[in-house]
Amino acid sequence: MAQGLRLITPPSGRVVSLEQARHHCRVTHDEEDALLEAYSEAAERRCEDITGRQLLTATWEQVLDGWPSGGVIKVPRPNLRSVVSISYLDPRGDLQVLDPGDYRVDAFSGPTAGHGRISLPYGKSWPEVLGQLGVITLRFEAGYGGPEDVPAPIVQGILLMVGTFYSQREELASVQVQVAPLAARNLWRPYWVR
């Protein structure tokens, strides 16, 4: 996870529904619903950790110590949906919000898109900031959208992990069981970003 990054508004819902998890694990009763939901959440988080992506839309905040030397801010947690705001402390220590017309957003698009970027228009420069740590705050929305927007290979990999957690729950304490099955990792590989 990128330094200075924190989740502000988590996604509402899950990539894999309880019904999908039940069907995949061939469970026909509701006694293990809480367990399946926990496995689904754990598998989704593991997928996000491995791929470096935000799956369902969420709002994140990244704190920076200064403007990037190359002039381009690389936004973590693709897919970038929008930049909510860029705020900073000016040299007097007053909080300012950068006008959206003073920067450009390259969100990229597509299921395997990389990091979004924020840059300056020609002839513009980043404003001066107070000389201390954590003076710039970038707030942004990232994710594919809703569960229906997440690419099928990612969903299938999550289901494979849920199935592994469910069928091998006693063995999960063992070092010999992989936390992310190779098949799931292979399904996710085209979506990895770093």
Protein backbone atom coordinates (compact mmCIF):
# COMPACT_ATOMS: atom_id res chain seq x y z
CA MET A 1 0.00 0.00 0.00
CA ALA A 2 1.24 3.48 -0.82
CA GLN A 3 2.64 5.56 2.00
CA GLY A 4 0.22 8.06 3.54
CA LEU A 5 -2.80 6.30 2.04
CA ARG A 6 -6.01 5.77 3.98
CA LEU A 7 -9.51 4.64 3.17
CA ILE A 8 -12.11 7.38 3.71
CA THR A 9 -15.32 5.79 2.40
CA PRO A 10 -15.28 2.01 1.96
CA PRO A 11 -17.20 0.35 -0.83
CA SER A 12 -20.80 -0.54 -0.21
CA GLY A 13 -21.21 -4.25 -0.71
CA ARG A 14 -19.00 -7.09 -1.88
CA VAL A 15 -17.66 -8.23 -5.24
CA VAL A 16 -18.99 -11.74 -4.58
CA SER A 17 -22.50 -12.00 -3.19
CA LEU A 18 -23.48 -14.49 -0.51
CA GLU A 19 -25.55 -16.35 -3.11
CA GLN A 20 -22.53 -16.63 -5.43
CA ALA A 21 -20.36 -17.91 -2.57
CA ARG A 22 -23.01 -20.47 -1.55
CA HIS A 23 -23.41 -21.68 -5.12
CA HIS A 24 -19.65 -21.93 -5.70
CA CYS A 25 -19.11 -23.87 -2.44
CA ARG A 26 -22.26 -25.98 -3.04
CA VAL A 27 -23.79 -24.90 0.24
CA THR A 28 -27.58 -25.26 0.34
CA HIS A 29 -28.25 -24.05 3.89
CA ASP A 30 -27.75 -20.75 5.69
CA GLU A 31 -25.94 -21.96 8.83
CA GLU A 32 -22.54 -20.94 7.43
CA ASP A 33 -23.53 -17.62 5.87
CA ALA A 34 -21.39 -15.59 8.26
CA LEU A 35 -18.39 -17.81 7.50
CA LEU A 36 -18.91 -17.50 3.73
CA GLU A 37 -19.24 -13.73 4.01
CA ALA A 38 -16.02 -13.54 6.02
CA TYR A 39 -14.24 -15.71 3.44
CA SER A 40 -15.57 -13.52 0.62
CA GLU A 41 -14.30 -10.37 2.31
CA ALA A 42 -10.91 -11.94 3.04
CA ALA A 43 -10.58 -13.15 -0.57
CA GLU A 44 -11.52 -9.73 -1.92
CA ARG A 45 -8.97 -7.97 0.32
CA ARG A 46 -6.31 -10.50 -0.72
CA CYS A 47 -7.09 -9.84 -4.39
CA GLU A 48 -6.74 -6.09 -3.83
CA ASP A 49 -3.43 -6.63 -2.03
CA ILE A 50 -2.04 -8.84 -4.80
CA THR A 51 -3.27 -6.74 -7.74
CA GLY A 52 -2.79 -3.32 -6.15
CA ARG A 53 -6.29 -2.37 -7.35
CA GLN A 54 -9.44 -1.06 -5.75
CA LEU A 55 -12.23 -3.35 -6.90
CA LEU A 56 -15.46 -1.64 -5.84
CA THR A 57 -15.65 2.15 -5.82
CA ALA A 58 -14.27 3.70 -2.64
CA THR A 59 -12.89 7.08 -1.59
CA TRP A 60 -9.23 7.26 -0.59
CA GLU A 61 -6.95 9.97 0.69
CA GLN A 62 -3.21 10.17 0.15
CA VAL A 63 -1.00 12.57 2.09
CA LEU A 64 2.16 13.82 0.37
CA ASP A 65 5.15 15.66 1.81
CA GLY A 66 5.56 17.84 -1.31
CA TRP A 67 4.86 18.08 -5.01
CA PRO A 68 6.53 15.39 -7.14
CA SER A 69 9.89 16.34 -8.64
CA GLY A 70 8.80 15.14 -12.08
CA GLY A 71 5.61 17.20 -11.93
CA VAL A 72 3.29 14.18 -12.18
CA ILE A 73 1.40 12.68 -9.25
CA LYS A 74 0.91 8.94 -9.67
CA VAL A 75 -2.41 8.08 -8.01
CA PRO A 76 -2.43 4.73 -6.18
CA ARG A 77 -5.25 2.16 -6.20
CA PRO A 78 -6.38 2.00 -9.85
CA ASN A 79 -8.84 2.40 -11.48
CA LEU A 80 -8.96 6.13 -10.81
CA ARG A 81 -12.54 7.32 -11.22
CA SER A 82 -12.19 10.94 -10.16
CA VAL A 83 -10.12 13.39 -8.18
CA VAL A 84 -12.33 14.79 -5.42
CA SER A 85 -9.87 17.45 -4.25
CA ILE A 86 -6.25 18.42 -3.85
CA SER A 87 -5.63 20.54 -0.77
CA TYR A 88 -2.36 21.90 0.59
CA LEU A 89 -0.87 24.13 3.25
CA ASP A 90 0.52 27.32 1.75
CA PRO A 91 3.77 28.89 3.06
CA ARG A 92 1.78 30.72 5.79
CA GLY A 93 0.23 27.44 6.97
CA ASP A 94 -3.24 28.24 5.58
CA LEU A 95 -5.23 25.40 4.02
CA GLN A 96 -5.86 25.94 0.30
CA VAL A 97 -7.75 23.86 -2.26
CA LEU A 98 -6.26 23.63 -5.72
CA ASP A 99 -8.67 24.70 -8.45
CA PRO A 100 -9.46 21.72 -10.74
CA GLY A 101 -8.63 23.97 -13.71
CA ASP A 102 -5.04 24.16 -12.45
CA TYR A 103 -4.32 20.47 -13.01
CA ARG A 104 -5.11 17.69 -15.46
CA VAL A 105 -6.31 14.20 -14.60
CA ASP A 106 -5.39 11.21 -16.74
CA ALA A 107 -7.59 8.50 -15.27
CA PHE A 108 -6.85 5.90 -17.94
CA SER A 109 -9.66 3.48 -18.64
CA GLY A 110 -10.25 -0.18 -19.20
CA PRO A 111 -10.11 -3.23 -16.95
CA THR A 112 -6.31 -3.47 -16.91
CA ALA A 113 -5.52 0.26 -16.84
CA GLY A 114 -2.59 1.34 -14.71
CA HIS A 115 -2.25 4.14 -12.22
CA GLY A 116 -4.07 7.39 -12.85
CA ARG A 117 -1.94 10.51 -13.07
CA ILE A 118 -2.33 14.16 -12.20
CA SER A 119 -0.21 16.69 -14.04
CA LEU A 120 -0.01 20.39 -14.73
CA PRO A 121 -1.25 22.10 -17.88
CA TYR A 122 1.42 23.69 -20.05
CA GLY A 123 2.88 26.78 -18.43
CA LYS A 124 1.51 26.06 -14.94
CA SER A 125 3.49 25.19 -11.81
CA TRP A 126 2.52 23.66 -8.49
CA PRO A 127 1.87 26.26 -5.79
CA GLU A 128 4.38 26.78 -2.98
CA VAL A 129 3.74 24.74 0.14
CA LEU A 130 4.74 24.96 3.77
CA GLY A 131 8.10 23.30 4.41
CA GLN A 132 6.97 20.39 6.57
CA LEU A 133 5.70 16.82 6.28
CA GLY A 134 2.17 15.97 5.13
CA VAL A 135 1.33 19.29 3.51
CA ILE A 136 -0.62 17.98 0.49
CA THR A 137 -3.78 15.87 0.65
CA LEU A 138 -5.15 14.15 -2.43
CA ARG A 139 -8.68 12.79 -2.13
CA PHE A 140 -9.87 10.52 -4.94
CA GLU A 141 -12.37 7.84 -5.90
CA ALA A 142 -11.09 4.56 -7.27
CA GLY A 143 -12.53 1.22 -8.32
CA TYR A 144 -14.28 -0.45 -11.22
CA GLY A 145 -17.73 0.65 -10.03
CA GLY A 146 -20.23 -1.88 -8.70
CA PRO A 147 -19.91 -5.68 -8.52
CA GLU A 148 -21.24 -6.00 -12.07
CA ASP A 149 -18.31 -3.89 -13.35
CA VAL A 150 -15.52 -6.02 -11.89
CA PRO A 151 -13.89 -8.15 -14.63
CA ALA A 152 -14.98 -11.80 -14.65
CA PRO A 153 -11.45 -13.23 -14.12
CA ILE A 154 -11.11 -11.23 -10.89
CA VAL A 155 -14.50 -12.47 -9.67
CA GLN A 156 -13.63 -16.05 -10.57
CA GLY A 157 -10.33 -15.81 -8.69
CA ILE A 158 -12.14 -14.51 -5.61
CA LEU A 159 -14.59 -17.42 -5.84
CA LEU A 160 -11.67 -19.87 -6.09
CA MET A 161 -10.21 -18.40 -2.91
CA VAL A 162 -13.57 -18.58 -1.12
CA GLY A 163 -13.82 -22.23 -2.16
CA THR A 164 -10.29 -22.89 -0.91
CA PHE A 165 -10.99 -21.20 2.43
CA TYR A 166 -14.23 -23.16 2.79
CA SER A 167 -12.96 -26.59 1.77
CA GLN A 168 -9.58 -26.36 3.51
CA ARG A 169 -10.50 -24.42 6.64
CA GLU A 170 -8.84 -26.93 8.97
CA GLU A 171 -5.64 -26.89 6.92
CA LEU A 172 -5.48 -23.09 6.66
CA ALA A 173 -3.55 -22.92 9.91
CA SER A 174 -0.89 -25.04 8.25
CA VAL A 175 2.06 -23.38 6.51
CA GLN A 176 1.63 -25.81 3.63
CA VAL A 177 -1.61 -24.26 2.31
CA GLN A 178 -1.20 -21.31 -0.03
CA VAL A 179 -3.32 -18.32 0.96
CA ALA A 180 -3.95 -17.46 -2.71
CA PRO A 181 -4.29 -20.53 -4.92
CA LEU A 182 -2.12 -20.46 -8.02
CA ALA A 183 -5.20 -20.55 -10.25
CA ALA A 184 -6.57 -17.38 -8.61
CA ARG A 185 -3.21 -15.61 -8.92
CA ASN A 186 -3.03 -16.56 -12.59
CA LEU A 187 -6.51 -15.17 -13.20
CA TRP A 188 -5.50 -11.91 -11.51
CA ARG A 189 -2.06 -11.58 -13.13
CA PRO A 190 -3.18 -9.39 -16.10
CA TYR A 191 -4.63 -6.91 -13.58
CA TRP A 192 -1.53 -6.49 -11.38
CA VAL A 193 -0.22 -2.95 -11.05
CA ARG A 194 2.73 -1.64 -9.08
